[in-house]
Amino acid sequence: MREEERSRLERLTQAKGWLDAFRPLPPSVAEELGHRYEVRLTYHSTAIEGNTLTQSETQIVIEKGITIGGKSVLEHLEVIGHKEALDFVGFLADQGSALGEREIREIHSLVMKGQGNGDTGAYRTLDVMAAGTEFRYPSHPKVPELMAEFARWLGDESNLHPIARASEAHLRFVTIHPFRDGNGRVGRLLLNLLLLQAGYPIAVLPVQRRAEYIDTLATAQAGGSSAALVSLVADAVEASLRETLEACLTAGETEGRAREHRAAVEAWITQA
């Protein structure tokens, strides 16, 4: 890792420390941020895969259960499934549960719930290639062994920075591509589960950077560096840290907390 990258991750570690000083977050702050990010992450993650619901429409589907005229049933189910999977991810993070194959299969089952795919939670039984590239994912008979190895890697202690580790886990998972469909959405949920477990807020990879995101994966899968992916994830984490810290600073319930850090937090937020 280059010195510039290491320095940036250290700054984000410091910002996460400021956030820790505000914890536990008041229920009103936690609820507000939870609503924001369940809608935002669901919108962007499904949009990356081609869902055409807007962010406001996504919010209506999630919060009101209302269908949007002119949008397909499948698009509604993708949003609902992702939201339920995100709830499960939040539960796992709160419980401090170990992450293994069973949990990954359950996340996939929720992501794909009701979408007509009979093998939800089951590993693929055919060989596939990455759309738009010549990259061939591992042959399907190798998937169980690769996923068992991936689960062992997740369980091992790591010297990687949590953001780098979450990025690496995402890359490894989508490179195995264990399911017939839904791998991108599951992979981004796994990334966020690892971030949440490490005390970081949810990181939203924006659909506006979809081409860049896909290019970073393709480069790393072709044997190149994964530094661009880590940088992209770090951008998302930084944006969420800034927003979360700003909410903490301005909430009346947090008055008096983290007094020694408030000036530094305000200065960091205004640098954005």
Protein backbone atom coordinates (compact mmCIF):
# COMPACT_ATOMS: atom_id res chain seq x y z
CA MET A 1 0.00 0.00 0.00
CA ARG A 2 1.37 3.41 -0.97
CA GLU A 3 2.08 5.98 1.72
CA GLU A 4 -0.66 8.27 0.41
CA GLU A 5 -3.23 5.49 0.63
CA ARG A 6 -2.06 4.49 4.10
CA SER A 7 -2.26 8.10 5.27
CA ARG A 8 -5.81 8.43 3.98
CA LEU A 9 -6.96 5.29 5.75
CA GLU A 10 -5.36 6.55 8.94
CA ARG A 11 -7.37 9.78 8.63
CA LEU A 12 -10.55 7.74 8.27
CA THR A 13 -9.54 5.72 11.32
CA GLN A 14 -9.27 9.00 13.22
CA ALA A 15 -12.71 10.10 11.98
CA LYS A 16 -14.15 6.77 13.08
CA GLY A 17 -12.61 7.43 16.51
CA TRP A 18 -14.47 10.75 16.65
CA LEU A 19 -17.68 8.91 15.83
CA ASP A 20 -16.96 6.42 18.62
CA ALA A 21 -16.82 9.35 21.04
CA PHE A 22 -20.47 10.12 20.23
CA ARG A 23 -21.57 6.53 20.79
CA PRO A 24 -23.97 5.19 21.73
CA LEU A 25 -25.91 7.35 19.28
CA PRO A 26 -29.24 8.65 20.57
CA PRO A 27 -32.19 6.61 19.20
CA SER A 28 -33.47 9.56 17.16
CA VAL A 29 -30.10 10.01 15.43
CA ALA A 30 -29.64 6.28 14.82
CA GLU A 31 -33.18 5.99 13.43
CA GLU A 32 -32.77 8.97 11.10
CA LEU A 33 -29.46 7.72 9.73
CA GLY A 34 -30.85 4.20 9.42
CA HIS A 35 -33.72 5.42 7.25
CA ARG A 36 -31.39 7.44 5.06
CA TYR A 37 -28.99 4.61 4.41
CA GLU A 38 -31.46 1.79 3.95
CA VAL A 39 -33.05 3.79 1.12
CA ARG A 40 -29.80 5.13 -0.31
CA LEU A 41 -27.90 1.85 -0.30
CA THR A 42 -30.88 -0.06 -1.69
CA TYR A 43 -31.40 2.47 -4.46
CA HIS A 44 -27.78 2.67 -5.58
CA SER A 45 -27.02 -1.05 -5.26
CA THR A 46 -30.07 -2.11 -7.26
CA ALA A 47 -29.57 0.72 -9.77
CA ILE A 48 -26.03 -0.50 -10.44
CA GLU A 49 -27.65 -3.76 -11.60
CA GLY A 50 -30.11 -1.93 -13.88
CA ASN A 51 -33.14 -1.27 -11.66
CA THR A 52 -34.90 1.89 -12.94
CA LEU A 53 -36.73 2.93 -9.77
CA THR A 54 -35.58 6.38 -8.67
CA GLN A 55 -34.36 7.01 -5.14
CA SER A 56 -37.65 8.69 -4.19
CA GLU A 57 -39.59 5.78 -5.71
CA THR A 58 -37.38 3.34 -3.83
CA GLN A 59 -38.21 5.16 -0.61
CA ILE A 60 -41.95 4.95 -1.33
CA VAL A 61 -41.74 1.20 -2.00
CA ILE A 62 -39.70 0.56 1.15
CA GLU A 63 -41.53 2.83 3.57
CA LYS A 64 -45.09 2.84 2.20
CA GLY A 65 -45.33 -0.47 0.40
CA ILE A 66 -46.86 1.31 -2.58
CA THR A 67 -46.23 0.11 -6.12
CA ILE A 68 -44.98 2.55 -8.73
CA GLY A 69 -46.90 2.77 -11.99
CA GLY A 70 -44.93 1.81 -15.08
CA LYS A 71 -42.32 -0.14 -13.12
CA SER A 72 -42.05 -3.91 -13.27
CA VAL A 73 -42.93 -6.31 -10.47
CA LEU A 74 -39.34 -7.57 -10.58
CA GLU A 75 -37.94 -4.10 -9.87
CA HIS A 76 -40.20 -3.78 -6.84
CA LEU A 77 -39.14 -7.22 -5.59
CA GLU A 78 -35.46 -6.34 -6.02
CA VAL A 79 -35.90 -3.30 -3.78
CA ILE A 80 -37.93 -5.18 -1.17
CA GLY A 81 -35.50 -8.10 -1.14
CA HIS A 82 -32.49 -5.84 -0.75
CA LYS A 83 -34.08 -3.97 2.13
CA GLU A 84 -34.87 -7.23 3.94
CA ALA A 85 -31.32 -8.47 3.33
CA LEU A 86 -29.95 -5.19 4.69
CA ASP A 87 -32.07 -5.64 7.83
CA PHE A 88 -30.48 -9.07 8.27
CA VAL A 89 -27.01 -7.60 7.75
CA GLY A 90 -27.77 -5.05 10.47
CA PHE A 91 -28.86 -7.85 12.78
CA LEU A 92 -25.65 -9.79 12.15
CA ALA A 93 -23.57 -6.66 12.80
CA ASP A 94 -25.40 -5.92 16.04
CA GLN A 95 -25.01 -9.50 17.24
CA GLY A 96 -21.33 -9.60 16.37
CA SER A 97 -22.02 -12.87 14.60
CA ALA A 98 -19.31 -14.71 12.73
CA LEU A 99 -19.74 -14.51 8.99
CA GLY A 100 -19.71 -17.83 7.16
CA GLU A 101 -21.31 -19.63 4.25
CA ARG A 102 -24.66 -20.07 5.99
CA GLU A 103 -25.01 -16.32 6.57
CA ILE A 104 -23.94 -15.54 3.01
CA ARG A 105 -26.51 -17.98 1.63
CA GLU A 106 -29.20 -16.40 3.81
CA ILE A 107 -28.30 -12.92 2.59
CA HIS A 108 -28.60 -14.18 -0.98
CA SER A 109 -31.96 -15.81 -0.27
CA LEU A 110 -33.32 -12.50 1.01
CA VAL A 111 -31.83 -10.48 -1.85
CA MET A 112 -33.47 -12.79 -4.40
CA LYS A 113 -36.72 -13.39 -2.49
CA GLY A 114 -39.73 -13.85 -4.77
CA GLN A 115 -37.84 -13.09 -7.97
CA GLY A 116 -38.50 -16.39 -9.71
CA ASN A 117 -35.04 -17.82 -9.18
CA GLY A 118 -35.50 -21.30 -7.78
CA ASP A 119 -31.89 -21.63 -6.60
CA THR A 120 -31.89 -18.78 -4.07
CA GLY A 121 -29.23 -19.49 -1.51
CA ALA A 122 -27.79 -22.28 -3.66
CA TYR A 123 -24.49 -22.10 -5.48
CA ARG A 124 -24.60 -21.96 -9.26
CA THR A 125 -24.44 -25.15 -11.31
CA LEU A 126 -23.27 -23.64 -14.59
CA ASP A 127 -20.22 -21.75 -15.82
CA VAL A 128 -20.56 -18.02 -16.48
CA MET A 129 -18.53 -15.12 -17.85
CA ALA A 130 -18.47 -11.48 -16.78
CA ALA A 131 -20.79 -9.44 -18.98
CA GLY A 132 -18.91 -7.21 -21.41
CA THR A 133 -15.52 -8.75 -20.71
CA GLU A 134 -13.61 -11.93 -21.46
CA PHE A 135 -13.15 -12.73 -17.78
CA ARG A 136 -14.39 -16.22 -16.97
CA TYR A 137 -15.51 -16.92 -13.43
CA PRO A 138 -14.32 -20.13 -11.76
CA SER A 139 -15.87 -23.33 -13.04
CA HIS A 140 -19.01 -24.18 -11.06
CA PRO A 141 -17.67 -27.45 -9.53
CA LYS A 142 -14.98 -25.35 -7.81
CA VAL A 143 -17.45 -22.95 -6.19
CA PRO A 144 -18.13 -24.93 -2.96
CA GLU A 145 -14.42 -25.32 -2.29
CA LEU A 146 -13.72 -21.66 -3.09
CA MET A 147 -16.54 -20.49 -0.82
CA ALA A 148 -15.30 -22.69 2.02
CA GLU A 149 -11.86 -21.12 1.54
CA PHE A 150 -13.43 -17.65 1.44
CA ALA A 151 -15.26 -18.34 4.72
CA ARG A 152 -11.99 -19.43 6.32
CA TRP A 153 -10.33 -16.23 5.10
CA LEU A 154 -13.14 -14.19 6.65
CA GLY A 155 -12.59 -15.97 9.96
CA ASP A 156 -8.84 -15.39 10.05
CA GLU A 157 -7.31 -12.42 11.83
CA SER A 158 -6.07 -9.82 9.41
CA ASN A 159 -3.56 -7.00 9.52
CA LEU A 160 -5.43 -5.20 6.76
CA HIS A 161 -7.14 -1.92 7.56
CA PRO A 162 -10.90 -2.61 7.94
CA ILE A 163 -11.71 -0.63 4.79
CA ALA A 164 -9.06 -2.50 2.79
CA ARG A 165 -10.25 -5.81 4.25
CA ALA A 166 -13.89 -5.10 3.36
CA SER A 167 -12.82 -4.13 -0.16
CA GLU A 168 -10.74 -7.30 -0.51
CA ALA A 169 -13.64 -9.43 0.73
CA HIS A 170 -15.92 -7.83 -1.83
CA LEU A 171 -13.42 -8.47 -4.61
CA ARG A 172 -12.88 -12.10 -3.60
CA PHE A 173 -16.60 -12.77 -3.36
CA VAL A 174 -17.62 -11.27 -6.70
CA THR A 175 -14.65 -12.98 -8.36
CA ILE A 176 -15.90 -16.37 -7.15
CA HIS A 177 -19.37 -15.31 -8.33
CA PRO A 178 -20.97 -18.19 -6.39
CA PHE A 179 -24.61 -17.58 -7.31
CA ARG A 180 -26.40 -17.51 -10.62
CA ASP A 181 -27.71 -14.00 -9.97
CA GLY A 182 -27.50 -11.35 -7.28
CA ASN A 183 -23.75 -11.55 -6.67
CA GLY A 184 -23.16 -7.80 -6.94
CA ARG A 185 -25.89 -6.92 -4.46
CA VAL A 186 -24.77 -9.63 -2.04
CA GLY A 187 -21.15 -8.58 -2.43
CA ARG A 188 -21.92 -4.95 -1.57
CA LEU A 189 -23.93 -6.09 1.45
CA LEU A 190 -20.98 -8.23 2.60
CA LEU A 191 -18.70 -5.23 2.19
CA ASN A 192 -21.00 -3.20 4.40
CA LEU A 193 -21.41 -5.96 6.97
CA LEU A 194 -17.65 -6.02 7.47
CA LEU A 195 -17.55 -2.22 7.73
CA LEU A 196 -20.37 -2.21 10.29
CA GLN A 197 -18.66 -4.91 12.32
CA ALA A 198 -15.55 -2.72 12.39
CA GLY A 199 -17.53 0.29 13.62
CA TYR A 200 -17.77 2.20 10.33
CA PRO A 201 -21.03 3.51 8.84
CA ILE A 202 -22.61 2.10 5.72
CA ALA A 203 -20.71 2.90 2.52
CA VAL A 204 -22.77 3.57 -0.59
CA LEU A 205 -21.07 2.98 -3.94
CA PRO A 206 -23.00 5.44 -6.11
CA VAL A 207 -24.55 4.39 -9.39
CA GLN A 208 -23.00 7.50 -10.96
CA ARG A 209 -19.60 5.79 -10.54
CA ARG A 210 -20.82 2.45 -11.87
CA ALA A 211 -18.40 2.34 -14.82
CA GLU A 212 -15.45 3.21 -12.58
CA TYR A 213 -16.53 0.58 -10.04
CA ILE A 214 -16.78 -2.13 -12.69
CA ASP A 215 -13.41 -1.12 -14.12
CA THR A 216 -11.74 -1.39 -10.70
CA LEU A 217 -13.09 -4.92 -10.31
CA ALA A 218 -12.10 -5.91 -13.84
CA THR A 219 -8.56 -4.59 -13.34
CA ALA A 220 -8.09 -6.50 -10.10
CA GLN A 221 -9.65 -9.68 -11.53
CA ALA A 222 -7.21 -9.50 -14.43
CA GLY A 223 -4.31 -9.57 -11.99
CA GLY A 224 -3.85 -5.85 -11.54
CA SER A 225 -3.88 -3.77 -8.39
CA SER A 226 -6.95 -3.49 -6.18
CA ALA A 227 -5.88 -0.03 -4.97
CA ALA A 228 -8.51 1.73 -7.09
CA LEU A 229 -11.26 -0.37 -5.52
CA VAL A 230 -10.02 0.43 -2.01
CA SER A 231 -9.94 4.12 -2.95
CA LEU A 232 -13.50 3.95 -4.26
CA VAL A 233 -14.73 2.29 -1.08
CA ALA A 234 -12.77 4.79 1.02
CA ASP A 235 -14.54 7.62 -0.82
CA ALA A 236 -17.89 6.10 0.13
CA VAL A 237 -16.85 5.56 3.75
CA GLU A 238 -15.55 9.12 4.00
CA ALA A 239 -18.83 10.54 2.67
CA SER A 240 -20.81 8.51 5.22
CA LEU A 241 -18.50 9.47 8.09
CA ARG A 242 -18.87 13.14 7.25
CA GLU A 243 -22.65 12.90 7.09
CA THR A 244 -22.90 10.83 10.28
CA LEU A 245 -20.59 13.13 12.23
CA GLU A 246 -22.51 16.17 11.04
CA ALA A 247 -25.73 14.59 12.29
CA CYS A 248 -24.07 13.96 15.64
CA LEU A 249 -22.82 17.54 15.90
CA THR A 250 -26.19 19.10 15.15
CA ALA A 251 -28.44 16.81 17.20
CA GLY A 252 -29.61 18.28 20.48
CA GLU A 253 -29.36 14.89 22.19
CA THR A 254 -25.58 14.77 21.63
CA GLU A 255 -24.88 18.17 23.18
CA GLY A 256 -22.02 17.77 25.62
CA ARG A 257 -20.63 14.64 24.01
CA ALA A 258 -17.17 14.45 22.46
CA ARG A 259 -16.35 17.99 23.58
CA GLU A 260 -12.63 17.52 22.97
CA HIS A 261 -13.24 16.48 19.36
CA ARG A 262 -15.91 18.92 18.22
CA ALA A 263 -13.58 21.55 16.78
CA ALA A 264 -11.61 18.93 14.85
CA VAL A 265 -14.81 17.32 13.56
CA GLU A 266 -16.24 20.65 12.42
CA ALA A 267 -12.99 21.51 10.63
CA TRP A 268 -12.86 18.11 8.90
CA ILE A 269 -16.49 18.31 7.77
CA THR A 270 -16.04 21.80 6.29
CA GLN A 271 -13.04 20.58 4.28
CA ALA A 272 -15.35 18.42 2.13
